[in-house]
PDB file of N, CA and C in Angstrom:
ATOM      1  N   MET A   1     -23.806 -26.710   1.775  1.00  0.00           N
ATOM      2  CA  MET A   1     -22.441 -27.478   1.952  1.00  0.00           C
ATOM      3  C   MET A   1     -21.711 -27.124   0.797  1.00  0.00           C
ATOM      4  N   ARG A   2     -22.496 -27.576  -0.476  1.00  0.00           N
ATOM      5  CA  ARG A   2     -21.571 -27.996  -1.376  1.00  0.00           C
ATOM      6  C   ARG A   2     -20.873 -26.170  -1.854  1.00  0.00           C
ATOM      7  N   HIS A   3     -21.447 -25.246  -1.739  1.00  0.00           N
ATOM      8  CA  HIS A   3     -20.854 -24.217  -2.129  1.00  0.00           C
ATOM      9  C   HIS A   3     -19.851 -23.655  -1.228  1.00  0.00           C
ATOM     10  N   GLN A   4     -19.605 -23.936  -0.162  1.00  0.00           N
ATOM     11  CA  GLN A   4     -18.729 -23.668   0.951  1.00  0.00           C
ATOM     12  C   GLN A   4     -17.584 -24.673   0.606  1.00  0.00           C
ATOM     13  N   ALA A   5     -17.616 -25.678   0.125  1.00  0.00           N
ATOM     14  CA  ALA A   5     -16.736 -26.615  -0.350  1.00  0.00           C
ATOM     15  C   ALA A   5     -15.831 -26.002  -1.544  1.00  0.00           C
ATOM     16  N   LEU A   6     -16.842 -25.429  -2.780  1.00  0.00           N
ATOM     17  CA  LEU A   6     -16.362 -25.093  -3.663  1.00  0.00           C
ATOM     18  C   LEU A   6     -15.525 -23.474  -3.494  1.00  0.00           C
ATOM     19  N   THR A   7     -15.977 -23.073  -2.744  1.00  0.00           N
ATOM     20  CA  THR A   7     -15.282 -21.567  -2.183  1.00  0.00           C
ATOM     21  C   THR A   7     -14.326 -21.855  -1.631  1.00  0.00           C
ATOM     22  N   ALA A   8     -13.992 -23.008  -0.941  1.00  0.00           N
ATOM     23  CA  ALA A   8     -12.815 -23.434  -0.294  1.00  0.00           C
ATOM     24  C   ALA A   8     -11.671 -23.620  -1.199  1.00  0.00           C
ATOM     25  N   ALA A   9     -12.090 -24.308  -2.160  1.00  0.00           N
ATOM     26  CA  ALA A   9     -11.129 -25.211  -3.150  1.00  0.00           C
ATOM     27  C   ALA A   9     -10.922 -24.064  -4.095  1.00  0.00           C
ATOM     28  N   ASN A  10     -11.710 -22.852  -4.395  1.00  0.00           N
ATOM     29  CA  ASN A  10     -11.261 -22.009  -5.454  1.00  0.00           C
ATOM     30  C   ASN A  10     -11.385 -20.630  -4.463  1.00  0.00           C
ATOM     31  N   PRO A  11      -9.979 -19.887  -4.185  1.00  0.00           N
ATOM     32  CA  PRO A  11      -9.769 -18.771  -3.329  1.00  0.00           C
ATOM     33  C   PRO A  11     -10.368 -17.270  -4.069  1.00  0.00           C
ATOM     34  N   PHE A  12     -11.002 -18.098  -5.523  1.00  0.00           N
ATOM     35  CA  PHE A  12     -11.411 -16.529  -6.253  1.00  0.00           C
ATOM     36  C   PHE A  12     -13.011 -16.445  -6.094  1.00  0.00           C
ATOM     37  N   MET A  13     -13.249 -17.683  -5.814  1.00  0.00           N
ATOM     38  CA  MET A  13     -14.631 -17.760  -5.330  1.00  0.00           C
ATOM     39  C   MET A  13     -15.151 -16.712  -4.032  1.00  0.00           C
ATOM     40  N   MET A  14     -14.224 -16.824  -3.191  1.00  0.00           N
ATOM     41  CA  MET A  14     -14.049 -16.019  -1.882  1.00  0.00           C
ATOM     42  C   MET A  14     -14.445 -14.839  -2.260  1.00  0.00           C
ATOM     43  N   ILE A  15     -14.477 -14.069  -3.229  1.00  0.00           N
ATOM     44  CA  ILE A  15     -14.370 -12.855  -3.635  1.00  0.00           C
ATOM     45  C   ILE A  15     -15.768 -12.241  -3.844  1.00  0.00           C
ATOM     46  N   THR A  16     -16.594 -12.791  -4.380  1.00  0.00           N
ATOM     47  CA  THR A  16     -17.933 -13.139  -4.235  1.00  0.00           C
ATOM     48  C   THR A  16     -18.554 -13.260  -2.994  1.00  0.00           C
ATOM     49  N   ASP A  17     -17.941 -14.047  -1.965  1.00  0.00           N
ATOM     50  CA  ASP A  17     -18.625 -13.942  -0.702  1.00  0.00           C
ATOM     51  C   ASP A  17     -18.055 -13.642   0.491  1.00  0.00           C
ATOM     52  N   PRO A  18     -17.706 -12.320   0.946  1.00  0.00           N
ATOM     53  CA  PRO A  18     -17.327 -11.593   2.257  1.00  0.00           C
ATOM     54  C   PRO A  18     -17.420 -12.456   3.292  1.00  0.00           C
ATOM     55  N   GLU A  19     -18.557 -13.160   3.409  1.00  0.00           N
ATOM     56  CA  GLU A  19     -18.885 -13.516   4.731  1.00  0.00           C
ATOM     57  C   GLU A  19     -17.778 -14.872   4.978  1.00  0.00           C
ATOM     58  N   ALA A  20     -17.505 -15.761   3.973  1.00  0.00           N
ATOM     59  CA  ALA A  20     -16.870 -16.539   4.023  1.00  0.00           C
ATOM     60  C   ALA A  20     -15.171 -16.455   3.927  1.00  0.00           C
ATOM     61  N   ILE A  21     -14.974 -15.003   3.553  1.00  0.00           N
ATOM     62  CA  ILE A  21     -13.418 -14.240   3.912  1.00  0.00           C
ATOM     63  C   ILE A  21     -13.495 -14.218   5.225  1.00  0.00           C
ATOM     64  N   LEU A  22     -14.234 -13.687   5.839  1.00  0.00           N
ATOM     65  CA  LEU A  22     -14.024 -13.293   7.268  1.00  0.00           C
ATOM     66  C   LEU A  22     -14.344 -14.493   8.517  1.00  0.00           C
ATOM     67  N   GLN A  23     -15.054 -15.318   7.603  1.00  0.00           N
ATOM     68  CA  GLN A  23     -14.847 -17.234   8.638  1.00  0.00           C
ATOM     69  C   GLN A  23     -13.489 -17.489   8.257  1.00  0.00           C
ATOM     70  N   ALA A  24     -13.090 -17.465   7.273  1.00  0.00           N
ATOM     71  CA  ALA A  24     -11.779 -18.228   6.977  1.00  0.00           C
ATOM     72  C   ALA A  24     -10.927 -17.485   7.489  1.00  0.00           C
ATOM     73  N   VAL A  25     -10.637 -16.192   7.677  1.00  0.00           N
ATOM     74  CA  VAL A  25      -9.632 -15.401   8.826  1.00  0.00           C
ATOM     75  C   VAL A  25     -10.097 -15.741   9.980  1.00  0.00           C
ATOM     76  N   GLU A  26     -10.823 -16.024  10.746  1.00  0.00           N
ATOM     77  CA  GLU A  26     -11.000 -16.292  12.034  1.00  0.00           C
ATOM     78  C   GLU A  26     -10.545 -17.754  12.140  1.00  0.00           C
ATOM     79  N   ARG A  27     -10.804 -18.670  11.351  1.00  0.00           N
ATOM     80  CA  ARG A  27     -10.219 -19.906  11.659  1.00  0.00           C
ATOM     81  C   ARG A  27      -8.652 -20.409  11.085  1.00  0.00           C
ATOM     82  N   SER A  28      -8.277 -19.662  10.809  1.00  0.00           N
ATOM     83  CA  SER A  28      -6.891 -19.373  10.038  1.00  0.00           C
ATOM     84  C   SER A  28      -5.856 -19.809  11.250  1.00  0.00           C
ATOM     85  N   GLU A  29      -5.108 -20.696  11.496  1.00  0.00           N
ATOM     86  CA  GLU A  29      -4.415 -20.805  12.675  1.00  0.00           C
ATOM     87  C   GLU A  29      -2.943 -19.757  11.966  1.00  0.00           C
ATOM     88  N   ARG A  30      -2.552 -20.188  10.942  1.00  0.00           N
ATOM     89  CA  ARG A  30      -1.544 -19.089  10.374  1.00  0.00           C
ATOM     90  C   ARG A  30      -1.630 -17.389  10.603  1.00  0.00           C
ATOM     91  N   LEU A  31      -2.736 -17.079  10.409  1.00  0.00           N
ATOM     92  CA  LEU A  31      -3.038 -15.571  10.616  1.00  0.00           C
ATOM     93  C   LEU A  31      -3.150 -15.411  12.369  1.00  0.00           C
ATOM     94  N   SER A  32      -3.644 -16.085  13.126  1.00  0.00           N
ATOM     95  CA  SER A  32      -3.633 -16.077  14.471  1.00  0.00           C
ATOM     96  C   SER A  32      -2.147 -16.121  14.832  1.00  0.00           C
ATOM     97  N   GLY A  33      -1.360 -16.658  14.556  1.00  0.00           N
ATOM     98  CA  GLY A  33      -0.288 -16.489  14.713  1.00  0.00           C
ATOM     99  C   GLY A  33       0.707 -15.187  14.407  1.00  0.00           C
ATOM    100  N   LEU A  34       0.437 -14.532  13.488  1.00  0.00           N
ATOM    101  CA  LEU A  34       1.407 -13.565  13.069  1.00  0.00           C
ATOM    102  C   LEU A  34       1.070 -12.270  14.357  1.00  0.00           C
ATOM    103  N   ARG A  35       2.350 -11.780  14.681  1.00  0.00           N
ATOM    104  CA  ARG A  35       2.427 -10.538  15.198  1.00  0.00           C
ATOM    105  C   ARG A  35       1.640  -9.373  14.478  1.00  0.00           C
ATOM    106  N   ARG A  36       0.880  -8.306  15.286  1.00  0.00           N
ATOM    107  CA  ARG A  36       0.325  -7.541  14.719  1.00  0.00           C
ATOM    108  C   ARG A  36       0.830  -6.266  15.176  1.00  0.00           C
ATOM    109  N   ARG A  37       0.714  -5.199  14.472  1.00  0.00           N
ATOM    110  CA  ARG A  37       1.491  -3.723  14.706  1.00  0.00           C
ATOM    111  C   ARG A  37       0.706  -2.801  13.486  1.00  0.00           C
ATOM    112  N   VAL A  38       0.621  -1.584  13.535  1.00  0.00           N
ATOM    113  CA  VAL A  38      -0.081  -1.112  12.763  1.00  0.00           C
ATOM    114  C   VAL A  38       0.847  -0.001  12.688  1.00  0.00           C
ATOM    115  N   CYS A  39       1.239   0.103  10.930  1.00  0.00           N
ATOM    116  CA  CYS A  39       2.635   0.713  10.554  1.00  0.00           C
ATOM    117  C   CYS A  39       1.738   1.975   9.545  1.00  0.00           C
ATOM    118  N   ARG A  40       2.116   3.137   9.805  1.00  0.00           N
ATOM    119  CA  ARG A  40       1.927   4.439   9.191  1.00  0.00           C
ATOM    120  C   ARG A  40       2.906   5.487   9.209  1.00  0.00           C
ATOM    121  N   PRO A  41       3.396   4.718   7.847  1.00  0.00           N
ATOM    122  CA  PRO A  41       4.897   5.709   7.478  1.00  0.00           C
ATOM    123  C   PRO A  41       4.482   6.756   6.850  1.00  0.00           C
ATOM    124  N   LEU A  42       3.431   7.563   6.579  1.00  0.00           N
ATOM    125  CA  LEU A  42       3.079   8.530   5.737  1.00  0.00           C
ATOM    126  C   LEU A  42       2.448   9.387   6.802  1.00  0.00           C
ATOM    127  N   ASP A  43       1.745   9.220   8.090  1.00  0.00           N
ATOM    128  CA  ASP A  43       1.429   9.898   8.965  1.00  0.00           C
ATOM    129  C   ASP A  43       2.137  11.215   9.059  1.00  0.00           C
ATOM    130  N   LYS A  44       3.276  11.173   9.268  1.00  0.00           N
ATOM    131  CA  LYS A  44       4.550  12.143   9.548  1.00  0.00           C
ATOM    132  C   LYS A  44       5.545  12.378   8.627  1.00  0.00           C
ATOM    133  N   PRO A  45       5.966  13.515   8.127  1.00  0.00           N
ATOM    134  CA  PRO A  45       6.722  13.481   6.818  1.00  0.00           C
ATOM    135  C   PRO A  45       8.519  13.566   7.664  1.00  0.00           C
ATOM    136  N   LEU A  46       8.976  12.657   7.093  1.00  0.00           N
ATOM    137  CA  LEU A  46      10.492  12.293   7.617  1.00  0.00           C
ATOM    138  C   LEU A  46      11.400  13.777   7.417  1.00  0.00           C
ATOM    139  N   ILE A  47      11.277  13.984   6.347  1.00  0.00           N
ATOM    140  CA  ILE A  47      11.649  15.209   5.934  1.00  0.00           C
ATOM    141  C   ILE A  47      11.321  16.321   6.184  1.00  0.00           C
ATOM    142  N   PRO A  48      11.840  17.544   6.969  1.00  0.00           N
ATOM    143  CA  PRO A  48      10.691  18.877   6.713  1.00  0.00           C
ATOM    144  C   PRO A  48      11.167  19.632   5.378  1.00  0.00           C
ATOM    145  N   LYS A  49       9.996  20.179   5.378  1.00  0.00           N
ATOM    146  CA  LYS A  49      10.113  21.358   4.275  1.00  0.00           C
ATOM    147  C   LYS A  49      10.387  22.499   4.434  1.00  0.00           C
ATOM    148  N   VAL A  50      11.179  23.088   4.318  1.00  0.00           N
ATOM    149  CA  VAL A  50      12.071  24.409   4.491  1.00  0.00           C
ATOM    150  C   VAL A  50      11.951  25.150   3.222  1.00  0.00           C
ATOM    151  N   ALA A  51      11.821  26.539   2.919  1.00  0.00           N
ATOM    152  CA  ALA A  51      11.705  27.407   2.051  1.00  0.00           C
ATOM    153  C   ALA A  51      13.303  27.855   2.212  1.00  0.00           C
ATOM    154  N   ASN A  52      13.998  27.345   1.225  1.00  0.00           N
ATOM    155  CA  ASN A  52      15.596  27.688   0.819  1.00  0.00           C
ATOM    156  C   ASN A  52      15.397  28.400  -0.638  1.00  0.00           C
ATOM    157  N   PRO A  53      15.850  29.845  -0.597  1.00  0.00           N
ATOM    158  CA  PRO A  53      15.379  30.555  -1.714  1.00  0.00           C
ATOM    159  C   PRO A  53      16.741  30.275  -2.898  1.00  0.00           C
ATOM    160  N   GLU A  54      17.983  29.760  -1.965  1.00  0.00           N
ATOM    161  CA  GLU A  54      19.052  29.160  -2.888  1.00  0.00           C
ATOM    162  C   GLU A  54      18.884  27.836  -3.599  1.00  0.00           C
ATOM    163  N   LEU A  55      17.867  27.084  -2.841  1.00  0.00           N
ATOM    164  CA  LEU A  55      18.065  25.590  -3.061  1.00  0.00           C
ATOM    165  C   LEU A  55      16.748  25.730  -4.483  1.00  0.00           C
ATOM    166  N   SER A  56      15.782  26.492  -4.159  1.00  0.00           N
ATOM    167  CA  SER A  56      14.654  26.750  -5.243  1.00  0.00           C
ATOM    168  C   SER A  56      15.329  27.024  -6.708  1.00  0.00           C
ATOM    169  N   ALA A  57      16.001  28.411  -6.523  1.00  0.00           N
ATOM    170  CA  ALA A  57      16.721  28.502  -7.717  1.00  0.00           C
ATOM    171  C   ALA A  57      17.553  27.550  -8.530  1.00  0.00           C
ATOM    172  N   TYR A  58      18.398  26.740  -7.456  1.00  0.00           N
ATOM    173  CA  TYR A  58      18.989  25.813  -8.104  1.00  0.00           C
ATOM    174  C   TYR A  58      18.441  24.857  -8.835  1.00  0.00           C
ATOM    175  N   ASP A  59      17.123  24.378  -8.427  1.00  0.00           N
ATOM    176  CA  ASP A  59      16.288  23.416  -8.677  1.00  0.00           C
ATOM    177  C   ASP A  59      15.700  24.043  -9.735  1.00  0.00           C
ATOM    178  N   ALA A  60      15.478  25.096 -10.111  1.00  0.00           N
ATOM    179  CA  ALA A  60      14.750  25.987 -11.239  1.00  0.00           C
ATOM    180  C   ALA A  60      15.802  26.158 -12.203  1.00  0.00           C
ATOM    181  N   GLU A  61      16.916  26.191 -12.116  1.00  0.00           N
ATOM    182  CA  GLU A  61      18.152  25.996 -12.910  1.00  0.00           C
ATOM    183  C   GLU A  61      18.238  24.827 -13.552  1.00  0.00           C
ATOM    184  N   ILE A  62      17.963  23.596 -13.088  1.00  0.00           N
ATOM    185  CA  ILE A  62      18.422  22.400 -13.282  1.00  0.00           C
ATOM    186  C   ILE A  62      17.203  22.060 -14.132  1.00  0.00           C
ATOM    187  N   GLU A  63      15.971  22.342 -13.643  1.00  0.00           N
ATOM    188  CA  GLU A  63      14.724  22.225 -14.220  1.00  0.00           C
ATOM    189  C   GLU A  63      14.655  22.830 -15.829  1.00  0.00           C
ATOM    190  N   GLY A  64      15.365  23.805 -15.942  1.00  0.00           N
ATOM    191  CA  GLY A  64      15.459  24.144 -17.217  1.00  0.00           C
ATOM    192  C   GLY A  64      16.196  24.060 -18.144  1.00  0.00           C
ATOM    193  N   ALA A  65      17.479  23.512 -17.525  1.00  0.00           N
ATOM    194  CA  ALA A  65      18.330  22.707 -18.187  1.00  0.00           C
ATOM    195  C   ALA A  65      17.833  21.419 -18.885  1.00  0.00           C
ATOM    196  N   GLU A  66      16.778  20.876 -18.102  1.00  0.00           N
ATOM    197  CA  GLU A  66      16.322  19.426 -18.940  1.00  0.00           C
ATOM    198  C   GLU A  66      15.571  19.590 -19.677  1.00  0.00           C
ATOM    199  N   ASP A  67      14.846  21.118 -19.532  1.00  0.00           N
ATOM    200  CA  ASP A  67      13.723  21.163 -20.627  1.00  0.00           C
ATOM    201  C   ASP A  67      14.256  21.749 -21.760  1.00  0.00           C
ATOM    202  N   GLU A  68      15.503  22.365 -22.089  1.00  0.00           N
ATOM    203  CA  GLU A  68      16.257  22.872 -23.123  1.00  0.00           C
ATOM    204  C   GLU A  68      17.044  21.793 -23.683  1.00  0.00           C
ATOM    205  N   ALA A  69      17.323  20.803 -22.758  1.00  0.00           N
ATOM    206  CA  ALA A  69      18.251  19.326 -23.446  1.00  0.00           C
ATOM    207  C   ALA A  69      16.919  18.477 -24.135  1.00  0.00           C
ATOM    208  N   GLU A  70      15.676  18.622 -23.809  1.00  0.00           N
ATOM    209  CA  GLU A  70      14.907  17.635 -24.868  1.00  0.00           C
ATOM    210  C   GLU A  70      14.361  18.612 -25.573  1.00  0.00           C
ATOM    211  N   LEU A  71      14.486  19.840 -25.692  1.00  0.00           N
ATOM    212  CA  LEU A  71      14.210  20.608 -27.335  1.00  0.00           C
ATOM    213  C   LEU A  71      15.334  19.782 -28.695  1.00  0.00           C
TER     214      LEU A  71
END
């Protein structure tokens, strides 16, 4: 019982006891009141990759100018 009291008083102690973390999460009224949704923003890229030779040439020119400026 004393170990549980120390764990509750010191949140860093909870790292060493994963079961205590799960129990604390299950008992938490604040966490149970949160709305839950799954966000996966990296599942689909929003910007399509399109091969554009003019754009690629422009990018290469800009990158070459930056390399020359560093010298």
